[in-house]
């Protein structure tokens, strides 16, 4: 992957046209008083491609999975370490649901204004009805700074995890739940 990235303190100011969803993330972060760094870069679809982002931005990039129950009535955004395998049975039992699977791209767009490859807790700013529940693996509890996509996979924002959990998530009206997922 040819990785040419540009770093900005706060929102990008390069004059490039940005989607409404991405611009909305920067507006939201600025309005919430969150300090963040933005890295614009080639599209990153895989965790391997996100590794280049991690090296450049200097913060871990978590794996973000958009999940649903069998009936597709409950939706979850799971944040786990990038290198941790995910087994649905461990999460399902902790959440008290029978089975989880990946939610559709259509639901992802409808609820979070995100397309596959750009899943991020930043999408929660668009979930005004709070249909998506944020779930975080306890292995991330001690992380100071982390990076995620601002609803597009051609940029990444880095911020303190404390700001995500203490400013961003509460400002969306969401809460978060810690879970302990086995690494097997």
N, C-alpha and C. Protein backbone atom coordinates (compact mmCIF):
# COMPACT_ATOMS: atom_id res chain seq x y z
N UNK A 1 0.85 -1.17 0.00
CA UNK A 1 0.00 0.00 0.00
C UNK A 1 0.89 1.24 0.00
N UNK A 2 0.68 2.10 -0.97
CA UNK A 2 1.38 3.37 -1.01
C UNK A 2 0.75 4.25 0.06
N UNK A 3 1.51 4.59 1.09
CA UNK A 3 0.93 5.29 2.23
C UNK A 3 1.48 6.70 2.32
N UNK A 4 0.72 7.63 1.79
CA UNK A 4 1.05 9.04 1.90
C UNK A 4 -0.01 9.66 2.80
N UNK A 5 0.41 10.18 3.92
CA UNK A 5 -0.53 10.72 4.89
C UNK A 5 -0.18 12.16 5.23
N UNK A 6 -1.22 12.91 5.60
CA UNK A 6 -1.03 14.29 6.05
C UNK A 6 -1.68 14.42 7.42
N UNK A 7 -0.96 15.00 8.36
CA UNK A 7 -1.40 15.13 9.74
C UNK A 7 -1.88 16.56 10.01
N UNK A 8 -2.99 16.67 10.73
CA UNK A 8 -3.55 17.97 11.11
C UNK A 8 -3.85 17.96 12.60
N UNK A 9 -3.65 19.07 13.25
CA UNK A 9 -4.12 19.24 14.62
C UNK A 9 -5.58 19.65 14.49
N UNK A 10 -6.48 18.77 14.86
CA UNK A 10 -7.90 19.04 14.67
C UNK A 10 -8.36 18.63 13.27
N UNK A 11 -9.34 19.36 12.73
CA UNK A 11 -9.93 18.99 11.44
C UNK A 11 -8.97 19.28 10.29
N UNK A 12 -9.08 18.52 9.20
CA UNK A 12 -8.25 18.77 8.02
C UNK A 12 -8.60 20.14 7.42
N UNK A 13 -7.59 20.85 6.98
CA UNK A 13 -7.79 22.17 6.38
C UNK A 13 -7.12 22.22 5.00
N UNK A 14 -7.26 21.12 4.26
CA UNK A 14 -6.61 21.03 2.96
C UNK A 14 -7.51 21.46 1.80
N UNK A 15 -8.74 21.83 2.09
CA UNK A 15 -9.65 22.26 1.04
C UNK A 15 -10.30 21.13 0.27
N UNK A 16 -9.99 19.89 0.62
CA UNK A 16 -10.58 18.75 -0.07
C UNK A 16 -12.07 18.65 0.27
N UNK A 17 -12.84 18.16 -0.68
CA UNK A 17 -14.27 17.96 -0.43
C UNK A 17 -14.45 16.75 0.48
N UNK A 18 -15.26 16.90 1.50
CA UNK A 18 -15.48 15.84 2.48
C UNK A 18 -16.97 15.54 2.57
N UNK A 19 -17.29 14.31 2.94
CA UNK A 19 -18.69 13.91 3.06
C UNK A 19 -19.33 14.64 4.24
N UNK A 20 -20.65 14.71 4.21
CA UNK A 20 -21.38 15.33 5.32
C UNK A 20 -21.15 14.56 6.61
N UNK A 21 -21.06 13.23 6.53
CA UNK A 21 -20.84 12.42 7.73
C UNK A 21 -19.48 12.74 8.35
N UNK A 22 -18.44 12.83 7.52
CA UNK A 22 -17.10 13.13 8.04
C UNK A 22 -17.05 14.54 8.63
N UNK A 23 -17.57 15.51 7.91
CA UNK A 23 -17.58 16.89 8.40
C UNK A 23 -18.36 16.99 9.70
N UNK A 24 -19.45 16.23 9.79
CA UNK A 24 -20.24 16.21 11.02
C UNK A 24 -19.45 15.71 12.21
N UNK A 25 -18.56 14.76 11.99
CA UNK A 25 -17.71 14.26 13.08
C UNK A 25 -16.80 15.38 13.59
N UNK A 26 -16.15 16.10 12.67
CA UNK A 26 -15.26 17.19 13.09
C UNK A 26 -16.05 18.28 13.82
N UNK A 27 -17.23 18.61 13.31
CA UNK A 27 -18.08 19.61 13.97
C UNK A 27 -18.44 19.15 15.39
N UNK A 28 -18.79 17.87 15.52
CA UNK A 28 -19.18 17.32 16.81
C UNK A 28 -18.01 17.35 17.79
N UNK A 29 -16.84 16.89 17.35
CA UNK A 29 -15.66 16.88 18.23
C UNK A 29 -15.29 18.29 18.66
N UNK A 30 -15.32 19.23 17.72
CA UNK A 30 -15.00 20.61 18.05
C UNK A 30 -16.01 21.16 19.05
N UNK A 31 -17.29 20.87 18.84
CA UNK A 31 -18.34 21.36 19.73
C UNK A 31 -18.27 20.75 21.12
N UNK A 32 -17.74 19.52 21.21
CA UNK A 32 -17.62 18.85 22.50
C UNK A 32 -16.32 19.22 23.23
N UNK A 33 -15.50 20.04 22.58
CA UNK A 33 -14.25 20.46 23.21
C UNK A 33 -13.20 19.36 23.28
N UNK A 34 -13.23 18.44 22.32
CA UNK A 34 -12.29 17.33 22.29
C UNK A 34 -11.05 17.73 21.49
N UNK A 35 -9.88 17.51 22.06
CA UNK A 35 -8.64 17.71 21.31
C UNK A 35 -8.36 16.44 20.52
N UNK A 36 -8.06 16.60 19.23
CA UNK A 36 -7.82 15.43 18.39
C UNK A 36 -6.86 15.78 17.27
N UNK A 37 -6.27 14.76 16.72
CA UNK A 37 -5.39 14.86 15.56
C UNK A 37 -6.06 14.10 14.44
N UNK A 38 -6.01 14.64 13.24
CA UNK A 38 -6.56 13.95 12.07
C UNK A 38 -5.43 13.59 11.13
N UNK A 39 -5.50 12.40 10.60
CA UNK A 39 -4.55 11.93 9.61
C UNK A 39 -5.36 11.59 8.37
N UNK A 40 -5.11 12.27 7.25
CA UNK A 40 -5.74 11.88 5.99
C UNK A 40 -4.78 10.93 5.29
N UNK A 41 -5.34 9.90 4.67
CA UNK A 41 -4.52 8.82 4.12
C UNK A 41 -5.29 8.05 3.05
N UNK A 42 -4.61 7.16 2.31
CA UNK A 42 -5.33 6.30 1.37
C UNK A 42 -6.34 5.43 2.12
N UNK A 43 -7.37 5.01 1.44
CA UNK A 43 -8.41 4.19 2.06
C UNK A 43 -7.79 2.98 2.76
N UNK A 44 -8.21 2.78 4.01
CA UNK A 44 -7.75 1.65 4.82
C UNK A 44 -8.95 0.76 5.10
N UNK A 45 -8.99 -0.40 4.47
CA UNK A 45 -10.12 -1.32 4.63
C UNK A 45 -9.85 -2.44 5.63
N UNK A 46 -8.59 -2.81 5.78
CA UNK A 46 -8.25 -3.96 6.62
C UNK A 46 -7.44 -3.52 7.83
N UNK A 47 -7.35 -4.40 8.81
CA UNK A 47 -6.54 -4.09 9.99
C UNK A 47 -5.06 -3.98 9.60
N UNK A 48 -4.64 -4.70 8.58
CA UNK A 48 -3.26 -4.58 8.12
C UNK A 48 -3.00 -3.18 7.57
N UNK A 49 -3.96 -2.65 6.81
CA UNK A 49 -3.80 -1.30 6.28
C UNK A 49 -3.88 -0.27 7.41
N UNK A 50 -4.65 -0.57 8.43
CA UNK A 50 -4.74 0.33 9.59
C UNK A 50 -3.44 0.34 10.40
N UNK A 51 -2.62 -0.67 10.23
CA UNK A 51 -1.33 -0.70 10.92
C UNK A 51 -0.46 0.47 10.46
N UNK A 52 -0.51 0.80 9.18
CA UNK A 52 0.24 1.96 8.68
C UNK A 52 -0.29 3.25 9.32
N UNK A 53 -1.59 3.32 9.50
CA UNK A 53 -2.20 4.47 10.18
C UNK A 53 -1.69 4.54 11.61
N UNK A 54 -1.69 3.41 12.30
CA UNK A 54 -1.22 3.37 13.68
C UNK A 54 0.22 3.88 13.80
N UNK A 55 1.07 3.42 12.91
CA UNK A 55 2.47 3.85 12.95
C UNK A 55 2.58 5.37 12.73
N UNK A 56 1.82 5.88 11.80
CA UNK A 56 1.91 7.30 11.44
C UNK A 56 1.27 8.21 12.50
N UNK A 57 0.16 7.79 13.06
CA UNK A 57 -0.56 8.65 14.01
C UNK A 57 -0.10 8.42 15.44
N UNK A 58 0.58 7.30 15.67
CA UNK A 58 1.15 7.04 17.00
C UNK A 58 0.13 6.62 18.04
N UNK A 59 -0.94 5.96 17.60
CA UNK A 59 -1.98 5.50 18.54
C UNK A 59 -2.56 4.20 18.00
N UNK A 60 -2.96 3.30 18.89
CA UNK A 60 -3.56 2.05 18.41
C UNK A 60 -4.89 2.29 17.71
N UNK A 61 -5.14 1.45 16.72
CA UNK A 61 -6.42 1.45 16.02
C UNK A 61 -7.14 0.19 16.46
N UNK A 62 -8.32 0.33 17.01
CA UNK A 62 -9.08 -0.83 17.47
C UNK A 62 -9.86 -1.44 16.33
N UNK A 63 -10.25 -2.69 16.52
CA UNK A 63 -11.17 -3.35 15.61
C UNK A 63 -12.57 -2.95 16.07
N UNK A 64 -13.38 -2.46 15.15
CA UNK A 64 -14.75 -2.06 15.46
C UNK A 64 -15.69 -2.92 14.65
N UNK A 65 -16.58 -3.64 15.32
CA UNK A 65 -17.48 -4.58 14.66
C UNK A 65 -18.92 -4.16 14.92
N UNK A 66 -19.72 -4.14 13.85
CA UNK A 66 -21.13 -3.77 13.95
C UNK A 66 -21.95 -5.06 13.91
N UNK A 67 -22.60 -5.35 15.03
CA UNK A 67 -23.25 -6.64 15.23
C UNK A 67 -24.74 -6.48 15.49
N UNK A 68 -25.48 -7.57 15.29
CA UNK A 68 -26.91 -7.58 15.58
C UNK A 68 -27.32 -8.93 16.12
N UNK A 69 -28.47 -8.96 16.77
CA UNK A 69 -29.02 -10.23 17.22
C UNK A 69 -29.72 -10.92 16.06
N UNK A 70 -30.17 -12.14 16.27
CA UNK A 70 -30.79 -12.94 15.22
C UNK A 70 -32.02 -12.24 14.62
N UNK A 71 -32.80 -11.56 15.46
CA UNK A 71 -34.02 -10.90 15.01
C UNK A 71 -33.75 -9.55 14.34
N UNK A 72 -32.52 -9.09 14.41
CA UNK A 72 -32.11 -7.79 13.88
C UNK A 72 -32.91 -6.66 14.50
N UNK A 73 -33.09 -6.77 15.83
CA UNK A 73 -33.78 -5.73 16.58
C UNK A 73 -32.85 -4.99 17.53
N UNK A 74 -31.73 -5.62 17.86
CA UNK A 74 -30.74 -5.01 18.74
C UNK A 74 -29.42 -4.92 17.99
N UNK A 75 -28.75 -3.77 18.14
CA UNK A 75 -27.50 -3.54 17.40
C UNK A 75 -26.40 -3.14 18.38
N UNK A 76 -25.18 -3.59 18.07
CA UNK A 76 -24.05 -3.39 18.96
C UNK A 76 -22.84 -2.93 18.15
N UNK A 77 -22.10 -2.02 18.70
CA UNK A 77 -20.82 -1.62 18.14
C UNK A 77 -19.77 -2.09 19.14
N UNK A 78 -18.96 -3.05 18.74
CA UNK A 78 -17.96 -3.65 19.61
C UNK A 78 -16.58 -3.12 19.27
N UNK A 79 -15.87 -2.64 20.29
CA UNK A 79 -14.48 -2.20 20.15
C UNK A 79 -13.60 -3.23 20.84
N UNK A 80 -12.66 -3.81 20.09
CA UNK A 80 -11.72 -4.79 20.66
C UNK A 80 -10.32 -4.50 20.11
N UNK A 81 -9.28 -5.01 20.77
CA UNK A 81 -7.93 -4.82 20.23
C UNK A 81 -7.83 -5.36 18.81
N UNK A 82 -7.05 -4.70 18.00
CA UNK A 82 -6.92 -5.05 16.58
C UNK A 82 -6.47 -6.49 16.37
N UNK A 83 -5.65 -7.01 17.27
CA UNK A 83 -5.09 -8.34 17.08
C UNK A 83 -5.84 -9.43 17.84
N UNK A 84 -6.95 -9.10 18.44
CA UNK A 84 -7.68 -10.08 19.25
C UNK A 84 -8.75 -10.77 18.41
N UNK A 85 -8.71 -12.09 18.35
CA UNK A 85 -9.78 -12.82 17.64
C UNK A 85 -11.11 -12.62 18.35
N UNK A 86 -12.18 -12.67 17.59
CA UNK A 86 -13.51 -12.44 18.16
C UNK A 86 -14.36 -13.68 18.01
N UNK A 87 -14.92 -14.14 19.12
CA UNK A 87 -15.85 -15.27 19.14
C UNK A 87 -17.18 -14.76 19.66
N UNK A 88 -18.21 -14.88 18.84
CA UNK A 88 -19.51 -14.31 19.21
C UNK A 88 -20.09 -14.95 20.47
N UNK A 89 -19.79 -16.22 20.73
CA UNK A 89 -20.42 -16.89 21.88
C UNK A 89 -20.07 -16.23 23.20
N UNK A 90 -18.84 -15.70 23.33
CA UNK A 90 -18.45 -15.06 24.58
C UNK A 90 -19.19 -13.74 24.78
N UNK A 91 -19.36 -13.01 23.71
CA UNK A 91 -20.08 -11.74 23.82
C UNK A 91 -21.58 -11.98 24.00
N UNK A 92 -22.13 -12.90 23.24
CA UNK A 92 -23.56 -13.19 23.34
C UNK A 92 -23.96 -13.54 24.76
N UNK A 93 -23.16 -14.37 25.42
CA UNK A 93 -23.51 -14.78 26.79
C UNK A 93 -23.45 -13.59 27.75
N UNK A 94 -22.50 -12.69 27.57
CA UNK A 94 -22.40 -11.53 28.46
C UNK A 94 -23.52 -10.52 28.22
N UNK A 95 -24.03 -10.48 26.99
CA UNK A 95 -25.10 -9.54 26.68
C UNK A 95 -26.48 -10.15 26.88
N UNK A 96 -26.52 -11.46 27.11
CA UNK A 96 -27.80 -12.12 27.35
C UNK A 96 -28.63 -12.31 26.09
N UNK A 97 -27.96 -12.49 24.96
CA UNK A 97 -28.71 -12.76 23.72
C UNK A 97 -28.23 -14.09 23.15
N UNK A 98 -29.09 -14.72 22.38
CA UNK A 98 -28.82 -16.08 21.90
C UNK A 98 -27.67 -16.14 20.90
N UNK A 99 -27.66 -15.24 19.95
CA UNK A 99 -26.65 -15.33 18.90
C UNK A 99 -26.44 -13.95 18.29
N UNK A 100 -25.20 -13.62 17.98
CA UNK A 100 -24.89 -12.37 17.30
C UNK A 100 -24.27 -12.67 15.95
N UNK A 101 -24.51 -11.80 15.01
CA UNK A 101 -23.87 -11.89 13.71
C UNK A 101 -23.58 -10.47 13.23
N UNK A 102 -22.89 -10.36 12.13
CA UNK A 102 -22.59 -9.04 11.60
C UNK A 102 -23.86 -8.43 11.03
N UNK A 103 -24.09 -7.17 11.34
CA UNK A 103 -25.26 -6.46 10.82
C UNK A 103 -25.00 -6.08 9.37
N UNK A 104 -26.05 -5.82 8.65
CA UNK A 104 -25.95 -5.51 7.22
C UNK A 104 -25.35 -4.12 6.98
N UNK A 105 -24.80 -3.97 5.79
CA UNK A 105 -24.27 -2.67 5.38
C UNK A 105 -25.39 -1.63 5.35
N UNK A 106 -26.59 -2.06 5.00
CA UNK A 106 -27.73 -1.13 4.96
C UNK A 106 -28.06 -0.59 6.35
N UNK A 107 -28.05 -1.46 7.35
CA UNK A 107 -28.31 -1.02 8.72
C UNK A 107 -27.18 -0.12 9.22
N UNK A 108 -25.96 -0.44 8.83
CA UNK A 108 -24.80 0.35 9.21
C UNK A 108 -24.96 1.79 8.68
N UNK A 109 -25.36 1.90 7.43
CA UNK A 109 -25.55 3.21 6.81
C UNK A 109 -26.74 3.93 7.45
N UNK A 110 -27.82 3.21 7.66
CA UNK A 110 -29.03 3.81 8.23
C UNK A 110 -28.80 4.34 9.65
N UNK A 111 -28.16 3.54 10.49
CA UNK A 111 -28.03 3.89 11.89
C UNK A 111 -26.80 4.73 12.22
N UNK A 112 -25.69 4.48 11.52
CA UNK A 112 -24.43 5.13 11.87
C UNK A 112 -23.84 6.04 10.79
N UNK A 113 -24.46 6.06 9.61
CA UNK A 113 -23.94 6.85 8.47
C UNK A 113 -22.53 6.41 8.09
N UNK A 114 -22.29 5.12 8.20
CA UNK A 114 -20.97 4.54 7.92
C UNK A 114 -21.13 3.40 6.93
N UNK A 115 -20.11 3.24 6.09
CA UNK A 115 -20.06 2.12 5.15
C UNK A 115 -19.06 1.08 5.66
N UNK A 116 -19.18 -0.17 5.23
CA UNK A 116 -18.19 -1.18 5.64
C UNK A 116 -16.77 -0.69 5.37
N UNK A 117 -15.89 -0.99 6.30
CA UNK A 117 -14.51 -0.55 6.19
C UNK A 117 -14.23 0.74 6.94
N UNK A 118 -15.28 1.39 7.43
CA UNK A 118 -15.11 2.66 8.15
C UNK A 118 -15.84 2.64 9.50
N UNK A 119 -16.16 1.46 10.01
CA UNK A 119 -16.92 1.35 11.26
C UNK A 119 -16.13 2.01 12.39
N UNK A 120 -16.85 2.80 13.19
CA UNK A 120 -16.19 3.60 14.21
C UNK A 120 -17.22 4.08 15.22
N UNK A 121 -16.79 4.29 16.47
CA UNK A 121 -17.73 4.87 17.44
C UNK A 121 -18.16 6.29 17.07
N UNK A 122 -17.48 6.92 16.14
CA UNK A 122 -17.89 8.26 15.70
C UNK A 122 -19.27 8.21 15.04
N UNK A 123 -19.66 7.06 14.51
CA UNK A 123 -20.98 6.91 13.91
C UNK A 123 -22.10 7.06 14.92
N UNK A 124 -21.81 6.90 16.20
CA UNK A 124 -22.85 7.03 17.22
C UNK A 124 -23.43 8.44 17.27
N UNK A 125 -22.72 9.42 16.75
CA UNK A 125 -23.28 10.78 16.74
C UNK A 125 -24.50 10.86 15.83
N UNK A 126 -24.64 9.90 14.91
CA UNK A 126 -25.78 9.89 14.01
C UNK A 126 -26.91 8.98 14.48
N UNK A 127 -26.68 8.22 15.51
CA UNK A 127 -27.68 7.31 16.06
C UNK A 127 -28.51 8.05 17.11
N UNK A 128 -29.32 8.97 16.63
CA UNK A 128 -30.08 9.84 17.53
C UNK A 128 -31.14 9.09 18.33
N UNK A 129 -31.59 7.95 17.81
CA UNK A 129 -32.58 7.14 18.53
C UNK A 129 -31.93 6.14 19.48
N UNK A 130 -30.61 6.15 19.53
CA UNK A 130 -29.82 5.28 20.40
C UNK A 130 -30.21 3.81 20.26
N UNK A 131 -30.21 3.36 19.02
CA UNK A 131 -30.51 1.96 18.73
C UNK A 131 -29.27 1.08 18.82
N UNK A 132 -28.10 1.69 18.83
CA UNK A 132 -26.84 0.95 18.85
C UNK A 132 -26.22 1.06 20.24
N UNK A 133 -25.81 -0.06 20.77
CA UNK A 133 -25.19 -0.12 22.10
C UNK A 133 -23.68 -0.28 21.93
N UNK A 134 -22.91 0.58 22.59
CA UNK A 134 -21.45 0.51 22.51
C UNK A 134 -20.93 -0.48 23.55
N UNK A 135 -20.16 -1.45 23.06
CA UNK A 135 -19.57 -2.50 23.89
C UNK A 135 -18.05 -2.40 23.72
N UNK A 136 -17.31 -2.41 24.83
CA UNK A 136 -15.86 -2.27 24.76
C UNK A 136 -15.19 -3.41 25.52
N UNK A 137 -14.26 -4.07 24.87
CA UNK A 137 -13.50 -5.14 25.51
C UNK A 137 -12.63 -4.55 26.61
N UNK A 138 -12.60 -5.21 27.76
CA UNK A 138 -11.87 -4.70 28.92
C UNK A 138 -10.37 -4.60 28.69
N UNK A 139 -9.84 -5.28 27.67
CA UNK A 139 -8.41 -5.15 27.36
C UNK A 139 -8.05 -3.71 26.95
N UNK A 140 -9.05 -2.92 26.59
CA UNK A 140 -8.80 -1.54 26.14
C UNK A 140 -8.88 -0.53 27.28
N UNK A 141 -9.23 -1.00 28.45
CA UNK A 141 -9.47 -0.11 29.60
C UNK A 141 -8.29 0.80 29.92
N UNK A 142 -7.06 0.33 29.74
CA UNK A 142 -5.89 1.11 30.12
C UNK A 142 -5.25 1.88 28.96
N UNK A 143 -5.91 1.90 27.81
CA UNK A 143 -5.38 2.63 26.66
C UNK A 143 -5.57 4.13 26.90
N UNK A 144 -4.54 4.90 26.62
CA UNK A 144 -4.65 6.35 26.80
C UNK A 144 -5.21 7.02 25.55
N UNK A 145 -4.52 6.85 24.44
CA UNK A 145 -4.91 7.49 23.18
C UNK A 145 -5.16 6.41 22.16
N UNK A 146 -6.16 6.62 21.33
CA UNK A 146 -6.45 5.65 20.27
C UNK A 146 -6.92 6.38 19.03
N UNK A 147 -7.02 5.66 17.92
CA UNK A 147 -7.43 6.26 16.65
C UNK A 147 -8.59 5.47 16.05
N UNK A 148 -9.45 6.19 15.35
CA UNK A 148 -10.57 5.56 14.65
C UNK A 148 -10.91 6.41 13.42
N UNK A 149 -11.74 5.86 12.56
CA UNK A 149 -12.17 6.59 11.38
C UNK A 149 -13.27 7.59 11.72
N UNK A 150 -13.28 8.76 11.08
CA UNK A 150 -14.37 9.72 11.27
C UNK A 150 -15.49 9.47 10.25
N UNK A 151 -16.00 8.26 10.26
CA UNK A 151 -17.09 7.82 9.36
C UNK A 151 -16.66 7.64 7.91
N UNK A 152 -15.38 7.75 7.62
CA UNK A 152 -14.81 7.43 6.31
C UNK A 152 -13.47 6.75 6.56
N UNK A 153 -13.04 5.90 5.61
CA UNK A 153 -11.78 5.19 5.85
C UNK A 153 -10.60 5.84 5.13
N UNK A 154 -10.76 7.10 4.74
CA UNK A 154 -9.65 7.85 4.14
C UNK A 154 -9.08 8.88 5.12
N UNK A 155 -9.49 8.76 6.36
CA UNK A 155 -8.96 9.62 7.43
C UNK A 155 -9.08 8.85 8.74
N UNK A 156 -8.28 9.27 9.70
CA UNK A 156 -8.35 8.72 11.05
C UNK A 156 -8.19 9.87 12.03
N UNK A 157 -8.89 9.77 13.15
CA UNK A 157 -8.73 10.76 14.21
C UNK A 157 -8.17 10.06 15.43
N UNK A 158 -7.28 10.75 16.11
CA UNK A 158 -6.67 10.24 17.33
C UNK A 158 -7.10 11.15 18.47
N UNK A 159 -7.53 10.53 19.57
CA UNK A 159 -7.95 11.29 20.75
C UNK A 159 -7.72 10.44 21.98
N UNK A 160 -7.88 11.05 23.12
CA UNK A 160 -7.77 10.31 24.37
C UNK A 160 -9.02 9.44 24.52
N UNK A 161 -8.82 8.21 24.96
CA UNK A 161 -9.96 7.32 25.20
C UNK A 161 -10.87 7.93 26.27
N UNK A 162 -10.28 8.62 27.23
CA UNK A 162 -11.06 9.28 28.27
C UNK A 162 -12.00 10.33 27.67
N UNK A 163 -11.57 11.01 26.61
CA UNK A 163 -12.45 11.98 25.95
C UNK A 163 -13.57 11.28 25.19
N UNK A 164 -13.27 10.15 24.58
CA UNK A 164 -14.33 9.39 23.90
C UNK A 164 -15.40 8.99 24.92
N UNK A 165 -14.95 8.40 26.03
CA UNK A 165 -15.89 7.87 27.01
C UNK A 165 -16.49 8.95 27.92
N UNK A 166 -15.77 10.03 28.14
CA UNK A 166 -16.24 11.05 29.06
C UNK A 166 -16.91 12.25 28.41
N UNK A 167 -16.64 12.47 27.12
CA UNK A 167 -17.22 13.62 26.42
C UNK A 167 -18.07 13.20 25.22
N UNK A 168 -17.47 12.44 24.31
CA UNK A 168 -18.15 12.12 23.05
C UNK A 168 -19.37 11.24 23.27
N UNK A 169 -19.16 10.09 23.90
CA UNK A 169 -20.27 9.13 24.06
C UNK A 169 -21.41 9.75 24.88
N UNK A 170 -21.14 10.38 26.02
CA UNK A 170 -22.25 11.01 26.75
C UNK A 170 -22.98 12.09 25.92
N UNK A 171 -22.23 12.85 25.11
CA UNK A 171 -22.87 13.89 24.29
C UNK A 171 -23.79 13.30 23.23
N UNK A 172 -23.59 12.04 22.87
CA UNK A 172 -24.48 11.40 21.89
C UNK A 172 -25.72 10.82 22.57
N UNK A 173 -25.70 10.78 23.90
CA UNK A 173 -26.80 10.16 24.64
C UNK A 173 -26.63 8.67 24.83
N UNK A 174 -25.49 8.13 24.42
CA UNK A 174 -25.20 6.71 24.58
C UNK A 174 -24.44 6.47 25.88
N UNK A 175 -24.36 5.22 26.25
CA UNK A 175 -23.50 4.78 27.33
C UNK A 175 -22.61 3.70 26.74
N UNK A 176 -21.73 3.16 27.54
CA UNK A 176 -20.90 2.05 27.06
C UNK A 176 -20.90 0.95 28.12
N UNK A 177 -20.63 -0.26 27.66
CA UNK A 177 -20.57 -1.43 28.54
C UNK A 177 -19.23 -2.11 28.34
N UNK A 178 -18.53 -2.39 29.44
CA UNK A 178 -17.28 -3.14 29.38
C UNK A 178 -17.60 -4.62 29.40
N UNK A 179 -16.90 -5.40 28.59
CA UNK A 179 -17.04 -6.85 28.60
C UNK A 179 -15.65 -7.47 28.63
N UNK A 180 -15.58 -8.72 29.07
CA UNK A 180 -14.31 -9.44 29.08
C UNK A 180 -14.43 -10.58 28.08
N UNK A 181 -13.74 -10.41 26.95
CA UNK A 181 -13.77 -11.42 25.90
C UNK A 181 -12.53 -12.27 25.96
N UNK A 182 -12.73 -13.57 25.91
CA UNK A 182 -11.59 -14.50 25.94
C UNK A 182 -10.84 -14.39 24.61
N UNK A 183 -9.52 -14.51 24.66
CA UNK A 183 -8.71 -14.33 23.45
C UNK A 183 -8.59 -15.56 22.56
N UNK A 184 -9.29 -16.64 22.83
CA UNK A 184 -9.08 -17.85 22.03
C UNK A 184 -9.69 -17.80 20.68
